[in-house]
Protein backbone atom coordinates (compact mmCIF):
# COMPACT_ATOMS: atom_id res chain seq x y z
CA MET A 1 18.43 19.33 39.25
CA ALA A 2 17.92 19.16 35.47
CA GLN A 3 14.76 20.66 34.02
CA ALA A 4 11.86 18.23 33.53
CA TRP A 5 10.37 17.89 30.04
CA GLU A 6 6.99 16.52 28.96
CA CYS A 7 6.97 14.63 25.66
CA ALA A 8 4.18 15.43 23.17
CA GLY A 9 5.02 12.51 20.87
CA LEU A 10 6.98 11.76 17.70
CA ARG A 11 6.32 13.85 14.61
CA TRP A 12 7.52 13.35 11.05
CA SER A 13 8.95 16.30 9.11
CA VAL A 14 10.49 16.52 5.64
CA ASP A 15 13.86 16.04 7.34
CA GLY A 16 12.88 12.96 9.34
CA PRO A 17 11.61 12.16 12.84
CA VAL A 18 11.27 14.88 15.48
CA LEU A 19 10.38 14.53 19.16
CA ALA A 20 7.87 17.20 20.16
CA TRP A 21 7.76 18.59 23.69
CA LYS A 22 4.99 20.31 25.60
CA GLY A 23 5.36 24.05 25.16
CA GLY A 24 6.26 23.89 21.48
CA ARG A 25 9.90 22.82 21.55
CA SER A 26 11.17 19.94 19.44
CA SER A 27 14.28 17.76 19.09
CA ALA A 28 15.44 16.53 15.68
CA LEU A 29 16.42 12.85 15.61
CA PRO A 30 19.15 12.19 13.02
CA TRP A 31 20.61 8.68 12.75
CA GLY A 32 23.40 8.15 15.25
CA LYS A 33 21.96 10.57 17.81
CA ARG A 34 22.18 9.43 21.44
CA VAL A 35 18.68 9.26 22.92
CA ALA A 36 19.04 9.33 26.71
CA PHE A 37 16.49 10.33 29.33
CA GLU A 38 15.43 9.47 32.87
CA VAL A 39 11.87 9.21 34.17
CA ALA A 40 11.46 11.42 37.24
CA GLU A 41 12.11 9.51 40.46
CA GLY A 42 8.92 9.11 42.46
CA GLY A 43 6.80 10.52 39.62
CA VAL A 44 3.54 9.22 38.21
CA ARG A 45 2.21 9.18 34.68
CA THR A 46 -0.73 11.54 34.26
CA CYS A 47 -3.43 11.69 31.56
CA VAL A 48 -2.52 13.92 28.60
CA GLY A 49 -6.12 15.09 28.12
CA ALA A 50 -8.09 15.23 24.87
CA ARG A 51 -8.34 17.49 21.83
CA GLY A 52 -5.80 19.96 23.19
CA HIS A 53 -7.42 20.28 26.62
CA ALA A 54 -5.82 19.15 29.88
CA CYS A 55 -7.41 16.32 31.85
CA PRO A 56 -9.55 18.02 34.53
CA ALA A 57 -8.87 15.19 36.98
CA ARG A 58 -5.10 14.93 36.27
CA ALA A 59 -5.81 11.20 36.39
CA VAL A 60 -2.99 8.68 36.81
CA VAL A 61 -2.71 6.29 33.84
CA SER A 62 -0.95 2.96 33.28
CA GLY A 63 2.68 2.94 32.18
CA ARG A 64 1.78 0.38 29.51
CA SER A 65 -0.90 2.53 27.83
CA THR A 66 0.11 3.90 24.43
CA GLY A 67 -2.77 6.40 24.56
CA ALA A 68 -1.80 7.93 27.95
CA ARG A 69 -5.44 8.93 28.52
CA CYS A 70 -7.92 8.19 31.27
CA GLU A 71 -11.21 6.57 30.28
CA GLU A 72 -13.13 9.86 30.03
CA CYS A 73 -10.49 11.68 27.98
CA ALA A 74 -10.12 8.65 25.69
CA ARG A 75 -13.88 8.73 25.10
CA LEU A 76 -13.79 12.45 24.26
CA ASP A 77 -10.86 11.93 21.88
CA ARG A 78 -12.64 9.10 20.05
CA ALA A 79 -15.80 11.21 19.74
CA HIS A 80 -13.94 13.59 17.40
CA SER A 81 -11.98 11.03 15.43
CA VAL A 82 -12.38 10.33 11.72
CA ALA A 83 -10.67 6.97 12.31
CA THR A 84 -13.56 5.80 14.51
CA ASP A 85 -16.18 6.90 11.96
CA THR A 86 -17.82 9.40 14.35
CA ILE A 87 -17.54 12.40 11.99
CA ALA A 88 -19.67 12.44 8.86
CA ASP A 89 -19.78 16.13 7.91
CA ASP A 90 -16.08 16.86 7.30
CA PRO A 91 -16.03 18.85 4.03
CA ARG A 92 -12.37 18.12 3.25
CA PRO A 93 -11.40 15.65 0.49
CA TYR A 94 -9.86 12.35 1.56
CA HIS A 95 -7.42 9.86 0.08
CA VAL A 96 -7.99 6.10 0.13
CA TYR A 97 -4.73 4.13 0.25
CA LEU A 98 -3.15 0.69 0.42
CA ALA A 99 -0.23 0.43 2.87
CA TRP A 100 2.32 -2.40 3.17
CA PHE A 101 4.15 -3.18 6.43
CA GLY A 102 5.70 -6.54 5.54
CA PRO A 103 4.94 -9.75 3.61
CA GLY A 104 1.25 -10.56 4.02
CA MET A 105 0.66 -7.34 5.98
CA VAL A 106 -1.37 -4.90 3.88
CA LYS A 107 -4.12 -2.59 5.09
CA VAL A 108 -6.57 -0.19 3.48
CA GLY A 109 -7.22 3.19 5.02
CA ILE A 110 -8.15 6.83 4.51
CA THR A 111 -6.44 10.11 5.35
CA ALA A 112 -7.23 13.77 4.76
CA PHE A 113 -5.97 14.81 1.31
CA GLU A 114 -4.22 17.88 2.75
CA ARG A 115 -2.03 15.72 5.01
CA GLY A 116 -0.27 14.04 2.10
CA SER A 117 1.78 11.03 3.22
CA ALA A 118 2.09 12.16 6.87
CA ARG A 119 -0.41 9.55 8.08
CA LEU A 120 1.55 6.78 6.34
CA LEU A 121 4.79 7.89 8.02
CA GLU A 122 3.00 8.01 11.40
CA GLN A 123 1.77 4.44 10.92
CA GLY A 124 5.18 3.13 9.90
CA ALA A 125 4.06 2.06 6.39
CA ILE A 126 7.09 0.72 4.54
CA CYS A 127 5.46 1.45 1.20
CA PHE A 128 2.04 2.59 0.00
CA SER A 129 0.01 3.72 -2.99
CA TRP A 130 -3.03 5.95 -3.28
CA LEU A 131 -6.18 4.29 -4.58
CA GLY A 132 -8.44 7.28 -5.02
CA ALA A 133 -9.62 10.61 -3.65
CA GLY A 134 -12.99 12.18 -2.92
CA PRO A 135 -15.44 13.25 -0.18
CA LEU A 136 -15.17 11.65 3.27
CA MET A 137 -18.24 9.41 3.07
CA ALA A 138 -17.30 8.22 -0.43
CA ALA A 139 -13.81 7.41 0.87
CA ARG A 140 -15.36 5.56 3.82
CA ARG A 141 -17.61 3.49 1.56
CA THR A 142 -14.68 2.65 -0.72
CA GLU A 143 -12.57 1.61 2.27
CA GLU A 144 -15.29 -0.79 3.42
CA LEU A 145 -15.80 -2.14 -0.11
CA LEU A 146 -12.11 -2.90 -0.53
CA ARG A 147 -11.69 -4.31 2.97
CA ALA A 148 -14.40 -6.88 2.26
CA ALA A 149 -13.52 -7.62 -1.39
CA LEU A 150 -9.75 -7.82 -0.96
CA ARG A 151 -9.88 -9.36 2.52
CA VAL A 152 -7.46 -6.83 3.97
CA PRO A 153 -7.86 -5.18 7.40
CA ASP A 154 -8.10 -1.48 8.20
CA ARG A 155 -5.74 -1.88 11.18
CA ILE A 156 -2.53 -3.82 11.86
CA PRO A 157 -1.16 -3.93 15.43
CA TYR A 158 2.19 -2.21 15.94
CA ALA A 159 3.59 -5.36 17.57
CA GLU A 160 3.13 -7.23 14.28
CA LYS A 161 4.78 -4.43 12.30
CA ARG A 162 7.83 -4.44 14.60
CA ALA A 163 8.24 -8.20 14.34
CA VAL A 164 9.00 -8.08 10.59
CA ARG A 165 10.64 -4.66 10.21
CA SER A 166 14.23 -5.96 10.38
CA ALA A 167 13.77 -8.64 7.69
CA LEU A 168 12.10 -6.92 4.74
CA PRO A 169 12.43 -7.83 1.04
CA VAL A 170 15.57 -6.20 -0.33
CA THR A 171 14.33 -4.00 -3.18
CA ALA A 172 11.59 -1.39 -3.36
CA ALA A 173 10.08 -3.29 -6.30
CA GLU A 174 9.80 -6.45 -4.21
CA ARG A 175 8.19 -4.50 -1.38
CA ALA A 176 5.69 -2.91 -3.75
CA ALA A 177 4.72 -6.10 -5.57
CA GLU A 178 2.02 -7.14 -3.11
CA ILE A 179 0.18 -3.81 -3.06
CA GLY A 180 0.58 -3.58 -6.84
CA GLU A 181 -1.39 -6.79 -7.27
CA LEU A 182 -4.05 -5.64 -4.80
CA HIS A 183 -4.26 -2.20 -6.41
CA GLY A 184 -5.03 -3.83 -9.77
CA ARG A 185 -7.79 -5.92 -8.23
CA ALA A 186 -9.17 -2.92 -6.36
CA VAL A 187 -9.56 -0.57 -9.34
CA ALA A 188 -11.20 -3.39 -11.33
CA LEU A 189 -13.98 -3.78 -8.77
CA GLY A 190 -17.45 -2.42 -9.40
CA GLY A 191 -19.39 -0.51 -6.77
CA TRP A 192 -17.01 2.42 -6.27
CA PRO A 193 -18.85 5.66 -5.37
CA GLU A 194 -19.08 7.96 -8.42
CA SER A 195 -17.68 10.89 -6.43
CA LEU A 196 -14.41 9.09 -5.69
CA GLU A 197 -11.77 9.45 -8.40
CA ARG A 198 -9.51 6.42 -8.83
CA GLU A 199 -5.76 6.95 -9.00
CA PRO A 200 -3.06 4.95 -10.83
CA PHE A 201 -0.59 2.72 -9.01
CA ARG A 202 2.38 4.84 -7.92
CA PRO A 203 4.20 3.10 -5.05
CA VAL A 204 6.02 5.28 -2.51
CA ASP A 205 8.77 3.55 -0.51
CA HIS A 206 9.70 4.70 3.02
CA ALA A 207 12.48 2.23 3.82
CA GLY A 208 15.15 4.87 3.24
CA VAL A 209 13.21 7.53 5.15
CA PHE A 210 12.95 5.16 8.13
CA GLY A 211 16.61 4.11 7.96
CA LEU A 212 15.77 0.43 7.53
CA GLY A 213 18.47 -0.55 5.06
CA GLY A 214 20.65 -3.19 6.73
CA LEU A 215 18.94 -2.65 10.08
CA PRO A 216 20.08 -5.15 12.76
CA ALA A 217 17.23 -7.31 14.05
CA ALA A 218 15.69 -5.89 17.21
CA VAL A 219 15.92 -8.13 20.27
CA GLY A 220 12.94 -6.66 22.10
CA GLU A 221 10.67 -3.70 22.79
CA VAL A 222 10.22 -1.44 25.82
CA SER A 223 6.97 -2.56 27.45
CA GLU A 224 6.57 0.45 29.76
CA LEU A 225 8.41 3.27 31.49
CA VAL A 226 8.58 3.38 35.29
CA ALA A 227 9.56 6.11 37.73
CA GLY A 228 13.33 6.35 38.12
CA SER A 229 14.12 4.27 35.02
CA VAL A 230 16.57 5.25 32.27
CA VAL A 231 16.46 4.86 28.49
CA SER A 232 19.75 5.30 26.65
CA GLY A 233 20.75 4.19 23.16
CA GLU A 234 21.94 5.30 19.75
CA LEU A 235 19.20 5.93 17.20
CA VAL A 236 19.65 3.59 14.22
CA ALA A 237 16.16 3.76 12.67
CA ALA A 238 12.64 5.04 13.27
CA ALA A 239 9.24 4.11 11.85
CA GLY A 240 5.83 5.36 12.86
CA PRO A 241 6.03 6.12 16.60
CA ASP A 242 8.95 3.72 17.12
CA LEU A 243 12.61 4.49 17.74
CA HIS A 244 15.12 1.67 17.16
CA LEU A 245 17.91 2.19 19.70
CA ALA A 246 21.26 0.38 19.71
CA THR A 247 22.09 -0.61 23.30
CA GLU A 248 24.71 -2.87 24.86
CA GLY A 249 22.21 -5.73 24.75
CA GLY A 250 21.23 -5.20 21.11
CA VAL A 251 18.70 -3.06 19.26
CA VAL A 252 15.60 -2.29 21.35
CA VAL A 253 12.43 -0.64 20.04
CA LEU A 254 10.92 2.25 22.02
CA ASP A 255 7.34 3.25 21.22
CA THR A 256 7.47 7.01 21.90
CA ARG A 257 3.77 6.98 22.83
CA LEU A 258 4.92 5.40 26.12
CA MET A 259 6.85 8.62 26.89
CA THR A 260 3.81 10.91 27.03
CA GLY A 261 2.38 11.78 30.45
CA TRP A 262 5.73 11.41 32.25
CA GLU A 263 8.16 14.05 33.48
CA LEU A 264 11.48 13.27 31.76
CA ARG A 265 14.98 14.57 32.43
CA PRO A 266 18.22 14.33 30.43
CA ALA A 267 20.36 11.31 31.34
CA GLY A 268 23.96 10.31 30.74
CA SER A 269 25.10 7.41 28.60
CA GLY A 270 24.09 4.77 31.12
CA GLY A 271 22.32 1.54 30.28
CA LEU A 272 18.70 0.64 29.75
CA THR A 273 16.78 0.16 33.03
CA VAL A 274 13.21 -0.17 31.78
CA PRO A 275 11.13 -3.34 31.37
CA VAL A 276 11.81 -4.87 27.94
CA ARG A 277 9.66 -7.52 26.28
CA GLU A 278 11.85 -9.98 24.39
CA PHE A 279 10.97 -10.81 20.80
CA LYS A 280 10.54 -14.49 19.94
CA GLY A 281 13.82 -16.17 19.05
CA SER A 282 15.89 -13.60 20.93
CA ALA A 283 17.79 -14.28 24.13
CA SER A 284 19.62 -10.98 24.54
CA VAL A 285 17.10 -9.04 26.63
CA GLN A 286 15.31 -10.08 29.80
CA ASP A 287 11.67 -9.27 30.48
CA GLY A 288 12.07 -6.95 33.44
CA LEU A 289 14.38 -4.39 34.95
CA PHE A 290 18.06 -5.07 34.27
């Protein structure tokens, strides 16, 4: 029997997307690579724990959960998260940014300065620009100021990002136009904290990094993994945690966060036997096991 692997999620390196595995191994994901694995027959999905610690209860979690954590571990993870505003004494500098995911889909956010653009790659931002940099609480206040003044959210659901990813404006300049206008309005606002240094508009485009040029429209997304099911397809693009896989029924999006907590084994080049949620306007994929 083939060795079982436990996925630790998708990471972004300077060379592109990489699947990380428990134990420190990783698998590079170049375009054209065959992604094929089987969920262990009779297995269950167990909680991945929190902050690097295993779940003491080895709790079973839902196959549809992108967090793969039980309620207690999810609470512990949130308690140490900058994103949930529970940490106020982080001494590191932070960037404030505007990120664009598609027409009418712009968000404001913050990320640790030392992480560079990693957070934007992890979110699947098609293009972005820094707005400023400074201490955490100044970055937080600026984020709230801009969210209210510009009427942009600080979160955009992944389902909405996926729905527009295959039909983006053609040029990088077109993609950057919307955040360029918002950036100009943002830096003209009063009320910025004095300790946060504003930055000029310098758009960074990720369409090429994600492999989105000429990407076929996806017909659906994997809604969950189940014991004994198989995922098999050719990688044609990736963005954030998502892999776009070419299958016999069309391009299907796999959120790699659904892979965590399962025991996975290598599979052949068979078909897709996981539940797939069809995108609106598509009739190529059924909502259920094939």
